[in-house]
Amino acid sequence: MQIRYYAGAADAAGTASDHLEAGDLTAAELVARLGQRDQGLADVLACCSVLVDGSPVRDDDQRIPEQARVDFLPPFAGG
């Protein structure tokens, strides 16, 4: 799974991208797995929008295929 972090999520992760080999996961399982690294990252990921191959995830139980690209976008201020 190709992971991309944006803005504050990239700051919390210490990188703009990552690769995870974990098989298919639900969105909730992916967030939990990534958040195990660091509590600050876990806190940021909990409020991020998640996109899988460009489409928003609306359900934490949505399965994400291992070959997917997942983007984590934190809330943005301003207009």
N, C-alpha and C. Protein backbone atom coordinates (compact mmCIF):
# COMPACT_ATOMS: atom_id res chain seq x y z
N MET A 1 0.85 -1.16 0.00
CA MET A 1 0.00 0.00 0.00
C MET A 1 0.90 1.23 0.00
N GLN A 2 0.64 2.15 -0.90
CA GLN A 2 1.39 3.40 -0.95
C GLN A 2 0.64 4.42 -0.11
N ILE A 3 1.32 5.00 0.88
CA ILE A 3 0.72 5.97 1.78
C ILE A 3 1.32 7.34 1.48
N ARG A 4 0.47 8.35 1.38
CA ARG A 4 0.95 9.72 1.22
C ARG A 4 0.32 10.59 2.30
N TYR A 5 1.15 11.38 2.94
CA TYR A 5 0.72 12.27 4.01
C TYR A 5 0.85 13.71 3.51
N TYR A 6 -0.07 14.56 3.92
CA TYR A 6 -0.05 15.96 3.51
C TYR A 6 -0.07 16.86 4.74
N ALA A 7 0.57 18.02 4.59
CA ALA A 7 0.58 19.09 5.59
C ALA A 7 0.95 18.56 6.97
N GLY A 8 0.09 18.78 7.97
CA GLY A 8 0.39 18.38 9.34
C GLY A 8 0.55 16.88 9.50
N ALA A 9 -0.08 16.09 8.64
CA ALA A 9 0.09 14.64 8.70
C ALA A 9 1.51 14.26 8.31
N ALA A 10 2.06 14.94 7.31
CA ALA A 10 3.45 14.69 6.90
C ALA A 10 4.40 15.10 8.01
N ASP A 11 4.11 16.22 8.65
CA ASP A 11 4.94 16.66 9.78
C ASP A 11 4.92 15.62 10.90
N ALA A 12 3.74 15.13 11.24
CA ALA A 12 3.61 14.15 12.33
C ALA A 12 4.27 12.82 11.97
N ALA A 13 4.19 12.43 10.70
CA ALA A 13 4.78 11.16 10.24
C ALA A 13 6.28 11.28 10.04
N GLY A 14 6.76 12.50 9.85
CA GLY A 14 8.18 12.71 9.57
C GLY A 14 8.55 12.37 8.15
N THR A 15 7.57 12.22 7.29
CA THR A 15 7.78 11.88 5.88
C THR A 15 6.53 12.24 5.10
N ALA A 16 6.67 12.43 3.80
CA ALA A 16 5.52 12.71 2.95
C ALA A 16 4.91 11.44 2.36
N SER A 17 5.67 10.35 2.40
CA SER A 17 5.14 9.10 1.84
C SER A 17 5.74 7.90 2.56
N ASP A 18 5.05 6.80 2.42
CA ASP A 18 5.46 5.57 3.08
C ASP A 18 4.92 4.41 2.27
N HIS A 19 5.43 3.24 2.53
CA HIS A 19 4.94 2.02 1.89
C HIS A 19 4.64 1.01 2.99
N LEU A 20 3.50 0.36 2.91
CA LEU A 20 3.09 -0.61 3.92
C LEU A 20 2.69 -1.90 3.23
N GLU A 21 3.29 -2.99 3.64
CA GLU A 21 2.90 -4.31 3.15
C GLU A 21 2.19 -5.03 4.28
N ALA A 22 0.86 -5.03 4.20
CA ALA A 22 0.07 -5.59 5.29
C ALA A 22 -1.16 -6.34 4.79
N GLY A 23 -1.28 -6.52 3.50
CA GLY A 23 -2.49 -7.13 2.96
C GLY A 23 -3.62 -6.12 2.96
N ASP A 24 -4.81 -6.57 2.63
CA ASP A 24 -5.98 -5.70 2.65
C ASP A 24 -6.32 -5.37 4.10
N LEU A 25 -6.66 -4.10 4.34
CA LEU A 25 -7.05 -3.64 5.68
C LEU A 25 -8.30 -2.79 5.55
N THR A 26 -9.05 -2.68 6.64
CA THR A 26 -10.11 -1.68 6.66
C THR A 26 -9.46 -0.33 6.92
N ALA A 27 -10.18 0.74 6.66
CA ALA A 27 -9.65 2.07 6.92
C ALA A 27 -9.29 2.22 8.40
N ALA A 28 -10.13 1.73 9.29
CA ALA A 28 -9.85 1.80 10.73
C ALA A 28 -8.60 1.01 11.10
N GLU A 29 -8.42 -0.16 10.52
CA GLU A 29 -7.23 -0.96 10.80
C GLU A 29 -5.97 -0.26 10.31
N LEU A 30 -6.06 0.39 9.14
CA LEU A 30 -4.90 1.10 8.61
C LEU A 30 -4.51 2.26 9.51
N VAL A 31 -5.50 3.06 9.93
CA VAL A 31 -5.21 4.19 10.82
C VAL A 31 -4.60 3.69 12.12
N ALA A 32 -5.14 2.63 12.68
CA ALA A 32 -4.61 2.07 13.93
C ALA A 32 -3.18 1.57 13.73
N ARG A 33 -2.92 0.88 12.65
CA ARG A 33 -1.58 0.34 12.38
C ARG A 33 -0.56 1.47 12.24
N LEU A 34 -0.89 2.49 11.46
CA LEU A 34 0.03 3.61 11.27
C LEU A 34 0.22 4.40 12.57
N GLY A 35 -0.83 4.51 13.35
CA GLY A 35 -0.77 5.27 14.58
C GLY A 35 0.00 4.59 15.69
N GLN A 36 0.31 3.31 15.53
CA GLN A 36 1.09 2.59 16.55
C GLN A 36 2.50 3.15 16.67
N ARG A 37 2.98 3.78 15.62
CA ARG A 37 4.34 4.31 15.61
C ARG A 37 4.54 5.44 16.62
N ASP A 38 3.49 6.30 16.72
CA ASP A 38 3.66 7.52 17.49
C ASP A 38 2.28 8.08 17.85
N GLN A 39 2.11 8.49 19.11
CA GLN A 39 0.80 9.01 19.54
C GLN A 39 0.45 10.29 18.82
N GLY A 40 1.44 11.15 18.54
CA GLY A 40 1.16 12.38 17.80
C GLY A 40 0.63 12.09 16.41
N LEU A 41 1.21 11.11 15.74
CA LEU A 41 0.72 10.71 14.42
C LEU A 41 -0.69 10.13 14.54
N ALA A 42 -0.91 9.31 15.54
CA ALA A 42 -2.25 8.72 15.75
C ALA A 42 -3.30 9.82 15.92
N ASP A 43 -2.97 10.85 16.69
CA ASP A 43 -3.91 11.95 16.92
C ASP A 43 -4.23 12.69 15.63
N VAL A 44 -3.21 12.93 14.81
CA VAL A 44 -3.42 13.63 13.54
C VAL A 44 -4.24 12.77 12.58
N LEU A 45 -3.88 11.50 12.46
CA LEU A 45 -4.60 10.62 11.53
C LEU A 45 -6.07 10.48 11.90
N ALA A 46 -6.37 10.56 13.18
CA ALA A 46 -7.76 10.42 13.65
C ALA A 46 -8.67 11.53 13.10
N CYS A 47 -8.09 12.67 12.74
CA CYS A 47 -8.93 13.76 12.23
C CYS A 47 -8.75 13.99 10.73
N CYS A 48 -7.95 13.17 10.08
CA CYS A 48 -7.70 13.32 8.64
C CYS A 48 -8.83 12.77 7.79
N SER A 49 -8.98 13.39 6.62
CA SER A 49 -9.77 12.77 5.56
C SER A 49 -8.88 11.72 4.91
N VAL A 50 -9.48 10.61 4.50
CA VAL A 50 -8.74 9.52 3.88
C VAL A 50 -9.27 9.32 2.46
N LEU A 51 -8.35 9.30 1.51
CA LEU A 51 -8.71 9.03 0.11
C LEU A 51 -8.02 7.75 -0.32
N VAL A 52 -8.75 6.89 -1.00
CA VAL A 52 -8.19 5.66 -1.55
C VAL A 52 -8.29 5.76 -3.06
N ASP A 53 -7.13 5.78 -3.70
CA ASP A 53 -7.06 5.95 -5.15
C ASP A 53 -7.89 7.14 -5.61
N GLY A 54 -7.86 8.22 -4.81
CA GLY A 54 -8.54 9.46 -5.16
C GLY A 54 -9.98 9.58 -4.72
N SER A 55 -10.56 8.52 -4.17
CA SER A 55 -11.95 8.55 -3.72
C SER A 55 -12.02 8.60 -2.20
N PRO A 56 -12.89 9.47 -1.65
CA PRO A 56 -12.98 9.59 -0.20
C PRO A 56 -13.52 8.32 0.47
N VAL A 57 -12.96 8.02 1.62
CA VAL A 57 -13.45 6.91 2.44
C VAL A 57 -14.53 7.48 3.35
N ARG A 58 -15.70 6.90 3.30
CA ARG A 58 -16.82 7.40 4.11
C ARG A 58 -17.17 6.45 5.25
N ASP A 59 -16.58 5.26 5.24
CA ASP A 59 -16.90 4.23 6.23
C ASP A 59 -15.60 3.61 6.74
N ASP A 60 -15.41 3.62 8.06
CA ASP A 60 -14.20 3.05 8.65
C ASP A 60 -14.03 1.57 8.34
N ASP A 61 -15.12 0.90 7.98
CA ASP A 61 -15.05 -0.53 7.66
C ASP A 61 -14.76 -0.80 6.19
N GLN A 62 -14.58 0.27 5.41
CA GLN A 62 -14.25 0.08 3.99
C GLN A 62 -12.91 -0.65 3.87
N ARG A 63 -12.88 -1.68 3.05
CA ARG A 63 -11.64 -2.43 2.82
C ARG A 63 -10.78 -1.69 1.82
N ILE A 64 -9.49 -1.65 2.14
CA ILE A 64 -8.52 -1.00 1.27
C ILE A 64 -7.59 -2.07 0.74
N PRO A 65 -7.54 -2.25 -0.57
CA PRO A 65 -6.67 -3.28 -1.14
C PRO A 65 -5.19 -2.92 -0.94
N GLU A 66 -4.38 -3.94 -0.81
CA GLU A 66 -2.95 -3.75 -0.56
C GLU A 66 -2.28 -2.91 -1.65
N GLN A 67 -2.75 -2.97 -2.88
CA GLN A 67 -2.11 -2.24 -3.97
C GLN A 67 -2.63 -0.81 -4.11
N ALA A 68 -3.47 -0.34 -3.20
CA ALA A 68 -4.06 0.99 -3.29
C ALA A 68 -3.08 2.09 -2.91
N ARG A 69 -3.39 3.31 -3.36
CA ARG A 69 -2.71 4.51 -2.90
C ARG A 69 -3.65 5.20 -1.91
N VAL A 70 -3.14 5.48 -0.72
CA VAL A 70 -3.96 6.08 0.33
C VAL A 70 -3.37 7.44 0.69
N ASP A 71 -4.22 8.46 0.67
CA ASP A 71 -3.81 9.82 1.01
C ASP A 71 -4.47 10.24 2.32
N PHE A 72 -3.67 10.83 3.21
CA PHE A 72 -4.18 11.37 4.48
C PHE A 72 -4.09 12.88 4.41
N LEU A 73 -5.26 13.54 4.48
CA LEU A 73 -5.33 14.99 4.39
C LEU A 73 -5.92 15.54 5.68
N PRO A 74 -5.13 16.29 6.45
CA PRO A 74 -5.68 16.89 7.66
C PRO A 74 -6.62 18.03 7.31
N PRO A 75 -7.45 18.46 8.26
CA PRO A 75 -8.32 19.60 7.97
C PRO A 75 -7.50 20.84 7.63
N PHE A 76 -7.99 21.64 6.72
CA PHE A 76 -7.31 22.85 6.31
C PHE A 76 -8.12 24.05 6.76
N ALA A 77 -7.47 25.07 7.23
CA ALA A 77 -8.13 26.31 7.62
C ALA A 77 -8.09 27.28 6.45
N GLY A 78 -9.00 28.22 6.45
CA GLY A 78 -8.99 29.25 5.42
C GLY A 78 -9.97 28.95 4.32
N GLY A 79 -9.91 29.71 3.27
CA GLY A 79 -10.91 29.56 2.24
C GLY A 79 -10.39 29.57 0.88
